């Protein structure tokens, strides 16, 4: 079974983010980058399928030269090969999805895994876009997956409950937390991954569909007021919500 797994390089969720001088990107100085956490669930599921059915797991990443550090983490987890669609500077979801789809047409995978979203831009668009470019069925936010032959049964999270969806291979799956428990790479595998080759591909150049106009750090200051439940105090809450918070 040919299995393709999309992984992305994102800032560690515990990293303190500072806006860069251009006001449109983060200052990467001192920022630790990791595999996107949701992509670890995607990779783990791909590795488990390989262990069950045999085949090859290939990871694919769109990003700069610095992405190789997180790519090697994926190789240490057990991926057979890794591909870097190398590009510097800003790129949007359309650019990433189109170039991943271009590679997938050559690799011809039976299943493509992604994390449900990247924790930096949170767009949730790449898996569905790749499926559209390839003309494949897509199931998103999957928290349980069963594959029997070519039949795929997925349980996905929806507001207030779960949804069971069926499709057939080949297909695109985006992984949700709870799908599995990602493995930790062992030291020998980490050392071996340092010497594994990473295939580099020149991307198809595309005009971005999205432009970042500016970034801001959210304000953390809050005004806390505690009042009782009398009619007069309730009226005061309504007044504050209308005049100070301006939410009603």
Protein backbone atom coordinates (compact mmCIF):
# COMPACT_ATOMS: atom_id res chain seq x y z
CA UNK A 1 0.00 0.00 0.00
CA UNK A 2 1.36 3.41 -0.99
CA UNK A 3 0.66 5.87 1.82
CA UNK A 4 1.30 9.61 1.55
CA UNK A 5 1.34 11.76 4.69
CA UNK A 6 1.40 15.56 4.65
CA UNK A 7 3.35 17.15 7.48
CA UNK A 8 4.04 20.81 8.17
CA UNK A 9 6.57 22.80 10.19
CA UNK A 10 4.90 24.99 12.82
CA UNK A 11 6.00 26.96 15.88
CA UNK A 12 5.92 25.01 19.13
CA UNK A 13 2.61 25.81 20.84
CA UNK A 14 4.57 26.74 23.99
CA UNK A 15 6.73 29.27 22.12
CA UNK A 16 6.28 32.97 22.78
CA UNK A 17 5.34 34.58 19.48
CA UNK A 18 6.64 38.00 18.46
CA UNK A 19 5.42 39.82 15.35
CA UNK A 20 8.18 40.54 12.83
CA UNK A 21 9.25 43.98 11.65
CA UNK A 22 7.04 43.73 8.55
CA UNK A 23 3.91 43.34 10.70
CA UNK A 24 2.79 40.42 8.52
CA UNK A 25 4.84 37.50 9.81
CA UNK A 26 6.33 36.19 13.03
CA UNK A 27 9.90 36.85 14.13
CA UNK A 28 11.46 33.37 13.91
CA UNK A 29 14.48 34.28 16.02
CA UNK A 30 14.52 31.97 19.02
CA UNK A 31 11.34 30.16 17.95
CA UNK A 32 11.34 26.37 18.23
CA UNK A 33 9.66 24.60 15.32
CA UNK A 34 8.04 21.15 15.49
CA UNK A 35 5.92 18.77 13.43
CA UNK A 36 2.38 20.07 13.44
CA UNK A 37 0.78 18.10 16.35
CA UNK A 38 -2.24 16.95 14.31
CA UNK A 39 0.13 15.66 11.61
CA UNK A 40 1.66 13.27 14.15
CA UNK A 41 -1.71 11.49 14.36
CA UNK A 42 -1.79 11.34 10.56
CA UNK A 43 1.72 9.88 10.38
CA UNK A 44 1.07 7.35 13.13
CA UNK A 45 -2.04 6.11 11.32
CA UNK A 46 -0.06 5.75 8.11
CA UNK A 47 2.65 3.78 9.90
CA UNK A 48 0.07 1.47 11.49
CA UNK A 49 -1.48 0.77 8.08
CA UNK A 50 1.94 -0.07 6.68
CA UNK A 51 2.61 -2.44 9.59
CA UNK A 52 -0.72 -4.17 8.97
CA UNK A 53 -0.81 -4.31 5.16
CA UNK A 54 2.78 -3.62 4.07
CA UNK A 55 3.79 -0.89 1.67
CA UNK A 56 5.58 2.44 1.77
CA UNK A 57 5.00 5.57 3.84
CA UNK A 58 6.18 8.80 2.24
CA UNK A 59 5.91 12.15 3.99
CA UNK A 60 5.57 15.37 2.03
CA UNK A 61 6.21 18.89 3.26
CA UNK A 62 5.89 22.32 1.67
CA UNK A 63 8.29 24.81 3.20
CA UNK A 64 11.79 26.21 3.48
CA UNK A 65 15.15 24.46 3.86
CA UNK A 66 14.70 24.67 7.64
CA UNK A 67 11.79 22.20 7.34
CA UNK A 68 14.31 19.37 7.08
CA UNK A 69 14.68 19.34 10.85
CA UNK A 70 11.05 18.34 11.42
CA UNK A 71 11.12 16.07 8.36
CA UNK A 72 13.88 14.06 10.01
CA UNK A 73 11.66 13.69 13.07
CA UNK A 74 9.07 12.05 10.79
CA UNK A 75 11.74 9.76 9.33
CA UNK A 76 12.78 8.81 12.87
CA UNK A 77 9.19 7.85 13.64
CA UNK A 78 9.30 5.35 10.79
CA UNK A 79 8.53 7.02 7.45
CA UNK A 80 10.34 5.30 4.55
CA UNK A 81 10.96 8.38 2.45
CA UNK A 82 10.49 12.12 2.69
CA UNK A 83 9.81 14.79 0.08
CA UNK A 84 10.33 18.53 0.51
CA UNK A 85 8.60 20.88 -1.90
CA UNK A 86 11.08 23.63 -1.25
CA UNK A 87 9.90 27.23 -1.14
CA UNK A 88 10.96 30.27 0.83
CA UNK A 89 8.73 33.02 2.18
CA UNK A 90 4.93 33.11 2.44
CA UNK A 91 2.74 30.55 0.68
CA UNK A 92 -0.98 29.91 1.13
CA UNK A 93 -3.07 26.75 1.41
CA UNK A 94 -3.82 26.75 -2.33
CA UNK A 95 -0.10 26.70 -3.15
CA UNK A 96 0.56 23.86 -0.70
CA UNK A 97 -2.42 21.77 -1.79
CA UNK A 98 -1.77 22.12 -5.53
CA UNK A 99 1.88 21.14 -5.23
CA UNK A 100 1.11 18.20 -2.94
CA UNK A 101 -1.52 17.04 -5.42
CA UNK A 102 1.01 17.32 -8.25
CA UNK A 103 3.34 14.94 -6.42
CA UNK A 104 0.49 12.59 -5.46
CA UNK A 105 -0.34 12.12 -9.16
CA UNK A 106 3.16 10.67 -9.64
CA UNK A 107 3.25 8.60 -6.43
CA UNK A 108 -0.31 7.30 -6.87
CA UNK A 109 -1.07 6.58 -3.18
CA UNK A 110 -3.97 4.42 -2.03
CA UNK A 111 -4.53 6.78 0.89
CA UNK A 112 -3.37 10.28 1.80
CA UNK A 113 -3.28 11.43 5.42
CA UNK A 114 -3.14 14.96 6.82
CA UNK A 115 -3.64 16.43 10.25
CA UNK A 116 -7.03 18.10 10.59
CA UNK A 117 -5.36 21.54 10.56
CA UNK A 118 -2.06 23.27 11.17
CA UNK A 119 -1.82 25.02 14.52
CA UNK A 120 -0.37 28.20 13.02
CA UNK A 121 -2.94 29.22 10.39
CA UNK A 122 -5.81 26.88 11.40
CA UNK A 123 -7.35 27.00 7.93
CA UNK A 124 -8.46 23.30 7.70
CA UNK A 125 -8.36 23.69 3.90
CA UNK A 126 -5.42 21.68 2.56
CA UNK A 127 -6.87 18.13 2.90
CA UNK A 128 -10.10 19.04 1.12
CA UNK A 129 -8.24 21.00 -1.57
CA UNK A 130 -5.89 18.09 -2.29
CA UNK A 131 -8.87 15.75 -2.58
CA UNK A 132 -10.55 18.15 -5.00
CA UNK A 133 -7.44 18.49 -7.17
CA UNK A 134 -7.15 14.69 -7.34
CA UNK A 135 -10.87 13.97 -7.67
CA UNK A 136 -10.84 11.76 -4.57
CA UNK A 137 -13.33 11.36 -1.71
CA UNK A 138 -12.32 13.10 1.51
CA UNK A 139 -13.24 12.54 5.14
CA UNK A 140 -12.15 15.21 7.60
CA UNK A 141 -11.63 15.39 11.38
CA UNK A 142 -11.42 11.59 11.70
CA UNK A 143 -11.12 10.19 15.23
CA UNK A 144 -11.57 6.48 14.37
CA UNK A 145 -10.71 4.65 11.16
CA UNK A 146 -11.27 1.12 9.88
CA UNK A 147 -10.05 -0.17 6.51
CA UNK A 148 -11.16 -3.56 5.16
CA UNK A 149 -9.92 -4.22 1.65
CA UNK A 150 -10.91 -1.06 -0.22
CA UNK A 151 -13.77 -0.20 2.15
CA UNK A 152 -13.13 2.73 4.51
CA UNK A 153 -15.30 3.44 7.57
CA UNK A 154 -14.48 6.59 9.52
CA UNK A 155 -15.88 8.16 12.64
CA UNK A 156 -15.56 11.92 12.59
CA UNK A 157 -16.20 14.58 15.19
CA UNK A 158 -19.10 16.93 14.60
CA UNK A 159 -20.70 19.53 16.83
CA UNK A 160 -22.49 17.70 19.64
CA UNK A 161 -21.57 14.17 18.60
CA UNK A 162 -20.03 11.73 16.12
CA UNK A 163 -20.71 10.96 12.47
CA UNK A 164 -20.00 7.64 10.70
CA UNK A 165 -18.91 7.98 7.07
CA UNK A 166 -18.09 5.27 4.51
CA UNK A 167 -16.05 5.54 1.32
CA UNK A 168 -13.56 3.50 -0.70
CA UNK A 169 -9.86 3.70 -1.44
CA UNK A 170 -8.17 5.76 -2.73
CA UNK A 171 -9.19 8.66 -0.49
CA UNK A 172 -7.95 11.56 1.62
CA UNK A 173 -8.24 11.47 5.42
CA UNK A 174 -7.56 14.29 7.89
CA UNK A 175 -6.73 13.10 11.40
CA UNK A 176 -8.18 14.35 14.66
CA UNK A 177 -6.76 13.97 18.17
CA UNK A 178 -7.87 10.62 19.57
CA UNK A 179 -7.36 8.66 16.35
CA UNK A 180 -4.28 7.06 17.90
CA UNK A 181 -1.35 7.68 20.23
CA UNK A 182 1.71 8.76 18.19
CA UNK A 183 4.88 6.80 18.91
CA UNK A 184 8.08 8.32 20.22
CA UNK A 185 11.11 7.71 18.00
CA UNK A 186 13.89 5.62 19.52
CA UNK A 187 17.45 6.91 19.73
CA UNK A 188 18.82 4.52 17.06
CA UNK A 189 16.06 5.63 14.68
CA UNK A 190 16.81 9.30 15.39
CA UNK A 191 20.47 8.72 14.52
CA UNK A 192 19.60 6.80 11.34
CA UNK A 193 17.20 9.55 10.25
CA UNK A 194 20.05 12.08 10.20
CA UNK A 195 21.60 10.28 7.24
CA UNK A 196 18.45 9.46 5.28
CA UNK A 197 18.05 11.40 2.00
CA UNK A 198 15.28 13.96 1.59
CA UNK A 199 14.01 14.40 -1.95
CA UNK A 200 13.70 18.06 -2.95
CA UNK A 201 11.17 19.21 -5.52
CA UNK A 202 10.85 22.60 -7.19
CA UNK A 203 7.23 23.73 -6.77
CA UNK A 204 4.86 24.90 -9.43
CA UNK A 205 4.76 28.67 -9.00
CA UNK A 206 1.24 29.90 -8.33
CA UNK A 207 -0.29 33.26 -7.51
CA UNK A 208 -1.48 33.22 -3.88
CA UNK A 209 -5.22 33.33 -3.29
CA UNK A 210 -4.70 34.85 0.16
CA UNK A 211 -2.81 37.96 1.26
CA UNK A 212 -1.83 38.62 4.88
CA UNK A 213 -2.59 42.27 5.63
CA UNK A 214 -1.28 42.27 9.17
CA UNK A 215 -0.74 40.33 12.38
CA UNK A 216 -1.41 41.39 15.96
CA UNK A 217 -0.80 39.82 19.35
CA UNK A 218 -4.18 39.44 21.15
CA UNK A 219 -4.69 41.79 24.07
CA UNK A 220 -4.69 39.94 27.38
CA UNK A 221 -5.88 42.77 29.63
CA UNK A 222 -9.35 42.13 31.07
CA UNK A 223 -11.64 44.17 33.23
CA UNK A 224 -13.16 41.99 35.91
CA UNK A 225 -16.25 43.10 37.75
CA UNK A 226 -18.25 40.98 40.19
CA UNK A 227 -21.85 41.89 40.90
CA UNK A 228 -24.80 40.24 42.61
CA UNK A 229 -28.16 39.08 41.26
CA UNK A 230 -30.53 41.86 42.32
CA UNK A 231 -32.61 43.66 39.67
CA UNK A 232 -30.46 46.76 40.07
CA UNK A 233 -27.23 44.79 39.68
CA UNK A 234 -28.55 42.90 36.66
CA UNK A 235 -29.43 46.23 35.06
CA UNK A 236 -25.86 47.36 35.77
CA UNK A 237 -24.48 44.24 33.98
CA UNK A 238 -26.61 45.03 30.92
CA UNK A 239 -25.39 48.62 30.95
CA UNK A 240 -21.73 47.55 31.16
CA UNK A 241 -22.14 45.03 28.33
CA UNK A 242 -23.73 47.73 26.17
CA UNK A 243 -21.58 50.75 26.99
CA UNK A 244 -18.19 49.30 27.99
CA UNK A 245 -17.90 45.92 26.29
CA UNK A 246 -20.13 46.99 23.35
CA UNK A 247 -21.34 43.43 22.79
CA UNK A 248 -25.05 44.21 22.98
